Amino acid sequence: MGSVWTRYDSKALDQVHDNILKTVEESAYRSGRAVRFKRDQTELANGKHVIHSIECESMYRKDVNNDSPILLMHGYGAGSLLFANNLAGLAHETGRKVIAVDWLGFGASSRPKFKGKQVDDTVEWFLDTFDEWRATKNLEKFDMIAHSMGGYLGAFYCLGKGKGRVDNLVLASPVGVPHAPAEMKTSSNTLKILRKLWNWGVTPNHLVRGAGPYGHRLVEKAVNARFGDVDEERLGLSGGDLQTRTNVVDYLFHITAAPGSGEHALSKLLAPGAYAKKPLCEELPKLEGVNLLFVYGDRDWMDASAGERLAFSSLQHLPTAEVITVPGSHHVYLDHPEVFDKQVSTFFKENSCEKDSTRVNNRIRGYINSFYQVRHPRNHVCCLSS
């Protein structure tokens, strides 16, 4: 199934999944972290939708004290395959099954017509199918790592349908935490046009699809601009050769050029400037019984101070509320996967399900220079070098 004009091809998307997972598997084996991947297309009960996921388990390590999986939830415009190296790293670090899931309307999941009109029904559009997928997979308890828009949705899941199911929640560079500034000035005609396009629901995907046979080249230029000085090993997708970068470009092209669906949620959830219409600073204080970790990159365009303010004020009732800054940009899990995986794994191990364990409340951890970890006492904020 595909499109002659856009060059989107679902079979090609399947092939690039297999190519990248095979490459990461081989790389993990060579580094002594043997893992096994498994792709799954789960048909939901209504027979209309399929949710795609990638599972990963270590071949030699298993945590006998914790058999609940770790779920990875991607952000806007991304997909589960971008977590390939994190899947392997987390499976090795924790000895637990790790599952990366494509939200409905994204990645290799079904792409039905988007029906959301307001914030609440847009959130439900994603979470209804996600929870149905969870039930179909018989997942009662799990930990969650959710990035960007996925973090926004993941937070609402823990507040609603998933209440009591998630013990540990990691929000990686989450969108939608702070309030929008009191006054957002639009000073140029260009910005006014962009604001209108945003409100009309126009997305970058429209540009790629509209470019037809030239869409692939647009994605390639975007990848080179984003990762031009980054070798393929640090892309988190291993390989170290031209074919690896080609696979990454092909993957991003096919999930961008695929029929429009979940992408249209952006303007329903966020106002221009990427400020949430229903900000998490008002919602997360309602969270109960969850260990929470915010992770930001030291070159992140998301406002880490918003997470810090929240952790030190409205979230002190939680067992644990932490904020850490690690080397990287907004896609912090992709820039330095080994650092990200190590920190998240440590958080999970420190906040295991043992109710009698001692937990340290509201800490900020950071990296200085060569990723040396420094912990700071409660209610102490420090500046971290990059």
Foldseek 3Di string as FASTA:
>chain_A
DQDQFLPFDLVVLVVLLVVLLVQLQVVCVVVVQHKDKDWDWDQFPVNPKTKIKMKMATPPAADPVDAAEEEEEEDFLDFQSLCSLLQSLLNRLQRYMYMYIGFACFASIDFDAADDDAQVVLLCVRLVVVVRVCVVVVRQAYAYEYAACRLVSVLVCCLPVCPPRHAEYEYELYFFADADPPDDDDDDPVSVVVQVCLLVQNDVLCVLLVVGPCSLVVLLVVCCVVCVPPALVLQSSDDRDPVSSVSVSSNSSNRSPPDGHSSSCQSNQAHPVRHGPDGCLVVNLSRENHAYEYEAEPAEPRDLVSLLVSQQPSVQRYLAREYEYEHDYSPRCRRHVNLVSVVVSVSCVQSDPPPPHRGAYYWYWYAEDPGDIDIDHRPDDDDHDD
